[in-house]
Amino acid sequence: MLKKNCVCGKYVADRTKKPYQKKANNKAKNTAKGLYQYENRKPITVSEELDVPIAEVYDIAEHGLPQEVIDRLKEEYPEIPEQIIENFPFEKPREGQLEIIAD
């Protein structure tokens, strides 16, 4: 049953209009975006690579804690394995930090 104010069938579609066509965008084809932005990058030469300073490797033996600090941490946290405490780089851990590392 149709309603009084129904507009079904009263309007005829305009068939003279051209359908929508996708146009080429104005960007250059070599401009990459998103996941492919590094796809066509120029490789780095050896001479350019040597100009970049190399970071020094962190040696934990050079930055080890004094034995007194290690002993104090072992007393404060007896449930934490000794290896974790001995390799821990800070004198005072944040709350719950050693427990998270131990898990």
N, C-alpha and C. Protein backbone atom coordinates (compact mmCIF):
# COMPACT_ATOMS: atom_id res chain seq x y z
N MET A 1 0.84 -1.17 0.00
CA MET A 1 0.00 0.00 0.00
C MET A 1 0.89 1.24 0.00
N LEU A 2 0.65 2.17 -0.90
CA LEU A 2 1.43 3.38 -1.01
C LEU A 2 0.86 4.47 -0.12
N LYS A 3 1.73 5.33 0.36
CA LYS A 3 1.30 6.45 1.19
C LYS A 3 0.87 7.60 0.29
N LYS A 4 0.14 8.54 0.86
CA LYS A 4 -0.35 9.70 0.11
C LYS A 4 0.78 10.54 -0.45
N ASN A 5 1.82 10.77 0.34
CA ASN A 5 2.89 11.68 -0.04
C ASN A 5 4.07 10.97 -0.71
N CYS A 6 3.88 9.78 -1.19
CA CYS A 6 4.97 9.01 -1.79
C CYS A 6 5.42 9.67 -3.09
N VAL A 7 6.72 9.75 -3.27
CA VAL A 7 7.28 10.37 -4.47
C VAL A 7 7.85 9.33 -5.42
N CYS A 8 7.59 8.07 -5.15
CA CYS A 8 8.13 7.00 -5.97
C CYS A 8 7.63 7.13 -7.41
N GLY A 9 8.51 7.14 -8.35
CA GLY A 9 8.15 7.16 -9.75
C GLY A 9 7.78 8.52 -10.30
N LYS A 10 7.75 9.56 -9.47
CA LYS A 10 7.39 10.89 -9.97
C LYS A 10 8.56 11.58 -10.65
N TYR A 11 9.78 11.20 -10.28
CA TYR A 11 10.97 11.85 -10.84
C TYR A 11 11.65 10.90 -11.80
N VAL A 12 11.98 11.39 -12.96
CA VAL A 12 12.64 10.59 -13.98
C VAL A 12 14.14 10.90 -13.92
N ALA A 13 14.95 9.86 -13.97
CA ALA A 13 16.40 10.04 -13.93
C ALA A 13 16.88 10.75 -15.17
N ASP A 14 17.83 11.66 -15.00
CA ASP A 14 18.39 12.42 -16.12
C ASP A 14 19.48 11.56 -16.77
N ARG A 15 19.18 10.96 -17.89
CA ARG A 15 20.11 10.04 -18.54
C ARG A 15 21.08 10.76 -19.47
N THR A 16 20.98 12.07 -19.55
CA THR A 16 21.88 12.82 -20.43
C THR A 16 23.20 13.16 -19.75
N LYS A 17 23.26 13.01 -18.43
CA LYS A 17 24.50 13.32 -17.70
C LYS A 17 25.55 12.25 -17.99
N LYS A 18 26.78 12.70 -18.06
CA LYS A 18 27.87 11.76 -18.27
C LYS A 18 28.21 11.07 -16.95
N PRO A 19 28.56 9.80 -16.99
CA PRO A 19 28.94 9.12 -15.75
C PRO A 19 30.26 9.68 -15.22
N TYR A 20 30.46 9.52 -13.93
CA TYR A 20 31.68 10.01 -13.27
C TYR A 20 32.88 9.21 -13.76
N GLN A 21 33.94 9.91 -14.15
CA GLN A 21 35.16 9.25 -14.57
C GLN A 21 36.30 9.74 -13.70
N LYS A 22 37.10 8.81 -13.26
CA LYS A 22 38.24 9.16 -12.42
C LYS A 22 39.32 9.79 -13.29
N LYS A 23 39.84 10.92 -12.84
CA LYS A 23 40.88 11.63 -13.59
C LYS A 23 42.24 11.34 -12.96
N ALA A 24 43.27 11.46 -13.77
CA ALA A 24 44.63 11.28 -13.26
C ALA A 24 44.96 12.45 -12.35
N ASN A 25 45.63 12.17 -11.24
CA ASN A 25 45.99 13.26 -10.34
C ASN A 25 47.22 14.00 -10.86
N ASN A 26 47.44 15.17 -10.34
CA ASN A 26 48.50 16.04 -10.84
C ASN A 26 49.87 15.75 -10.24
N LYS A 27 49.97 14.78 -9.35
CA LYS A 27 51.24 14.49 -8.70
C LYS A 27 52.17 13.73 -9.65
N ALA A 28 53.44 13.91 -9.45
CA ALA A 28 54.42 13.20 -10.26
C ALA A 28 54.36 11.71 -9.94
N LYS A 29 54.68 10.90 -10.91
CA LYS A 29 54.60 9.46 -10.70
C LYS A 29 55.69 8.96 -9.76
N ASN A 30 56.79 9.67 -9.65
CA ASN A 30 57.88 9.24 -8.78
C ASN A 30 57.64 9.58 -7.33
N THR A 31 56.61 10.34 -7.03
CA THR A 31 56.32 10.70 -5.66
C THR A 31 55.58 9.54 -5.00
N ALA A 32 56.23 8.89 -4.07
CA ALA A 32 55.63 7.75 -3.40
C ALA A 32 55.04 8.19 -2.07
N LYS A 33 54.00 7.54 -1.65
CA LYS A 33 53.34 7.86 -0.39
C LYS A 33 53.08 6.59 0.39
N GLY A 34 52.88 6.75 1.68
CA GLY A 34 52.48 5.63 2.52
C GLY A 34 53.55 4.57 2.63
N LEU A 35 53.14 3.32 2.45
CA LEU A 35 54.05 2.19 2.61
C LEU A 35 55.17 2.17 1.58
N TYR A 36 54.96 2.81 0.45
CA TYR A 36 55.91 2.73 -0.64
C TYR A 36 56.81 3.96 -0.75
N GLN A 37 56.88 4.78 0.29
CA GLN A 37 57.64 6.01 0.19
C GLN A 37 59.14 5.78 0.09
N TYR A 38 59.64 4.63 0.50
CA TYR A 38 61.08 4.35 0.42
C TYR A 38 61.42 3.38 -0.71
N GLU A 39 60.44 3.08 -1.54
CA GLU A 39 60.62 2.05 -2.57
C GLU A 39 61.69 2.42 -3.59
N ASN A 40 61.70 3.65 -4.06
CA ASN A 40 62.62 4.05 -5.12
C ASN A 40 63.75 4.93 -4.61
N ARG A 41 64.20 4.69 -3.39
CA ARG A 41 65.26 5.51 -2.82
C ARG A 41 66.60 5.19 -3.46
N LYS A 42 67.44 6.20 -3.57
CA LYS A 42 68.78 6.03 -4.12
C LYS A 42 69.64 5.32 -3.07
N PRO A 43 70.39 4.28 -3.46
CA PRO A 43 71.22 3.58 -2.48
C PRO A 43 72.36 4.47 -1.98
N ILE A 44 72.79 4.22 -0.75
CA ILE A 44 73.88 4.99 -0.15
C ILE A 44 75.21 4.39 -0.59
N THR A 45 76.14 5.24 -0.96
CA THR A 45 77.46 4.75 -1.36
C THR A 45 78.31 4.50 -0.12
N VAL A 46 79.40 3.78 -0.30
CA VAL A 46 80.28 3.44 0.82
C VAL A 46 80.90 4.70 1.42
N SER A 47 81.28 5.66 0.60
CA SER A 47 81.89 6.88 1.13
C SER A 47 80.89 7.67 1.98
N GLU A 48 79.62 7.68 1.58
CA GLU A 48 78.60 8.35 2.39
C GLU A 48 78.37 7.61 3.70
N GLU A 49 78.46 6.29 3.65
CA GLU A 49 78.23 5.49 4.84
C GLU A 49 79.34 5.68 5.86
N LEU A 50 80.58 5.89 5.39
CA LEU A 50 81.70 6.07 6.29
C LEU A 50 81.66 7.42 7.00
N ASP A 51 80.96 8.39 6.44
CA ASP A 51 80.85 9.70 7.06
C ASP A 51 79.96 9.69 8.30
N VAL A 52 79.10 8.70 8.42
CA VAL A 52 78.19 8.62 9.56
C VAL A 52 78.96 8.07 10.76
N PRO A 53 78.94 8.77 11.90
CA PRO A 53 79.67 8.25 13.06
C PRO A 53 79.03 6.97 13.60
N ILE A 54 79.87 6.06 14.02
CA ILE A 54 79.40 4.78 14.56
C ILE A 54 79.29 4.92 16.06
N ALA A 55 78.15 4.51 16.61
CA ALA A 55 77.92 4.60 18.04
C ALA A 55 78.76 3.55 18.77
N GLU A 56 79.22 3.93 19.95
CA GLU A 56 80.00 2.99 20.75
C GLU A 56 79.06 1.99 21.42
N VAL A 57 79.54 0.77 21.57
CA VAL A 57 78.75 -0.27 22.21
C VAL A 57 78.81 -0.08 23.71
N TYR A 58 77.65 -0.15 24.36
CA TYR A 58 77.57 0.01 25.81
C TYR A 58 78.10 -1.26 26.46
N ASP A 59 79.08 -1.11 27.31
CA ASP A 59 79.66 -2.24 28.02
C ASP A 59 79.22 -2.17 29.47
N ILE A 60 78.45 -3.17 29.90
CA ILE A 60 77.90 -3.15 31.25
C ILE A 60 79.00 -3.32 32.30
N ALA A 61 80.11 -3.97 31.94
CA ALA A 61 81.20 -4.15 32.89
C ALA A 61 81.83 -2.81 33.28
N GLU A 62 81.88 -1.88 32.33
CA GLU A 62 82.45 -0.57 32.63
C GLU A 62 81.52 0.28 33.49
N HIS A 63 80.24 0.00 33.42
CA HIS A 63 79.25 0.80 34.15
C HIS A 63 78.60 0.00 35.27
N GLY A 64 79.29 -0.96 35.79
CA GLY A 64 78.73 -1.80 36.83
C GLY A 64 78.54 -1.04 38.14
N LEU A 65 77.60 -1.52 38.94
CA LEU A 65 77.33 -0.90 40.23
C LEU A 65 78.37 -1.35 41.25
N PRO A 66 78.64 -0.52 42.25
CA PRO A 66 79.54 -0.94 43.32
C PRO A 66 78.93 -2.13 44.08
N GLN A 67 79.79 -2.93 44.67
CA GLN A 67 79.33 -4.13 45.37
C GLN A 67 78.40 -3.79 46.53
N GLU A 68 78.60 -2.64 47.17
CA GLU A 68 77.72 -2.25 48.29
C GLU A 68 76.28 -2.05 47.81
N VAL A 69 76.14 -1.45 46.64
CA VAL A 69 74.79 -1.21 46.09
C VAL A 69 74.14 -2.54 45.72
N ILE A 70 74.91 -3.44 45.14
CA ILE A 70 74.37 -4.75 44.77
C ILE A 70 73.92 -5.51 46.01
N ASP A 71 74.73 -5.47 47.07
CA ASP A 71 74.36 -6.14 48.32
C ASP A 71 73.09 -5.54 48.92
N ARG A 72 72.97 -4.21 48.86
CA ARG A 72 71.78 -3.54 49.41
C ARG A 72 70.53 -3.93 48.62
N LEU A 73 70.64 -3.99 47.30
CA LEU A 73 69.51 -4.40 46.48
C LEU A 73 69.11 -5.85 46.73
N LYS A 74 70.11 -6.71 46.98
CA LYS A 74 69.81 -8.11 47.28
C LYS A 74 69.06 -8.23 48.60
N GLU A 75 69.40 -7.38 49.58
CA GLU A 75 68.69 -7.40 50.86
C GLU A 75 67.27 -6.86 50.71
N GLU A 76 67.10 -5.80 49.92
CA GLU A 76 65.78 -5.19 49.75
C GLU A 76 64.85 -6.07 48.91
N TYR A 77 65.41 -6.79 47.96
CA TYR A 77 64.61 -7.61 47.05
C TYR A 77 65.13 -9.05 47.06
N PRO A 78 64.85 -9.80 48.13
CA PRO A 78 65.38 -11.17 48.20
C PRO A 78 64.72 -12.13 47.20
N GLU A 79 63.50 -11.79 46.74
CA GLU A 79 62.79 -12.69 45.82
C GLU A 79 63.26 -12.55 44.37
N ILE A 80 64.05 -11.52 44.08
CA ILE A 80 64.56 -11.28 42.73
C ILE A 80 65.85 -12.09 42.53
N PRO A 81 65.99 -12.80 41.41
CA PRO A 81 67.22 -13.57 41.17
C PRO A 81 68.46 -12.67 41.18
N GLU A 82 69.57 -13.22 41.67
CA GLU A 82 70.81 -12.45 41.82
C GLU A 82 71.34 -11.94 40.48
N GLN A 83 71.18 -12.71 39.43
CA GLN A 83 71.67 -12.28 38.11
C GLN A 83 71.02 -10.98 37.66
N ILE A 84 69.73 -10.85 37.93
CA ILE A 84 69.03 -9.63 37.52
C ILE A 84 69.54 -8.44 38.32
N ILE A 85 69.74 -8.62 39.60
CA ILE A 85 70.23 -7.52 40.44
C ILE A 85 71.65 -7.14 40.05
N GLU A 86 72.49 -8.11 39.77
CA GLU A 86 73.89 -7.82 39.42
C GLU A 86 74.00 -7.10 38.08
N ASN A 87 73.09 -7.36 37.17
CA ASN A 87 73.12 -6.71 35.85
C ASN A 87 72.24 -5.48 35.77
N PHE A 88 71.58 -5.12 36.87
CA PHE A 88 70.70 -3.95 36.88
C PHE A 88 71.56 -2.69 36.85
N PRO A 89 71.31 -1.75 35.92
CA PRO A 89 72.22 -0.62 35.74
C PRO A 89 71.98 0.59 36.66
N PHE A 90 70.93 0.57 37.48
CA PHE A 90 70.61 1.74 38.29
C PHE A 90 70.76 1.43 39.78
N GLU A 91 71.09 2.47 40.55
CA GLU A 91 71.26 2.27 41.99
C GLU A 91 69.94 2.08 42.70
N LYS A 92 68.90 2.75 42.24
CA LYS A 92 67.60 2.64 42.89
C LYS A 92 66.54 2.36 41.82
N PRO A 93 65.91 1.18 41.86
CA PRO A 93 64.88 0.87 40.86
C PRO A 93 63.57 1.60 41.16
N ARG A 94 62.79 1.84 40.12
CA ARG A 94 61.45 2.40 40.32
C ARG A 94 60.56 1.33 40.93
N GLU A 95 59.42 1.75 41.43
CA GLU A 95 58.51 0.83 42.09
C GLU A 95 58.03 -0.25 41.12
N GLY A 96 58.29 -1.51 41.46
CA GLY A 96 57.86 -2.64 40.65
C GLY A 96 58.75 -2.96 39.46
N GLN A 97 59.82 -2.21 39.27
CA GLN A 97 60.66 -2.40 38.08
C GLN A 97 61.37 -3.75 38.09
N LEU A 98 61.95 -4.12 39.21
CA LEU A 98 62.67 -5.40 39.27
C LEU A 98 61.70 -6.58 39.17
N GLU A 99 60.49 -6.44 39.70
CA GLU A 99 59.51 -7.52 39.60
C GLU A 99 59.11 -7.75 38.14
N ILE A 100 58.96 -6.66 37.40
CA ILE A 100 58.60 -6.78 35.99
C ILE A 100 59.72 -7.44 35.21
N ILE A 101 60.97 -7.07 35.50
CA ILE A 101 62.11 -7.68 34.82
C ILE A 101 62.21 -9.16 35.16
N ALA A 102 61.95 -9.51 36.42
CA ALA A 102 62.04 -10.90 36.85
C ALA A 102 60.98 -11.78 36.19
N ASP A 103 59.83 -11.18 35.90
CA ASP A 103 58.76 -11.97 35.26
C ASP A 103 59.15 -12.30 33.85
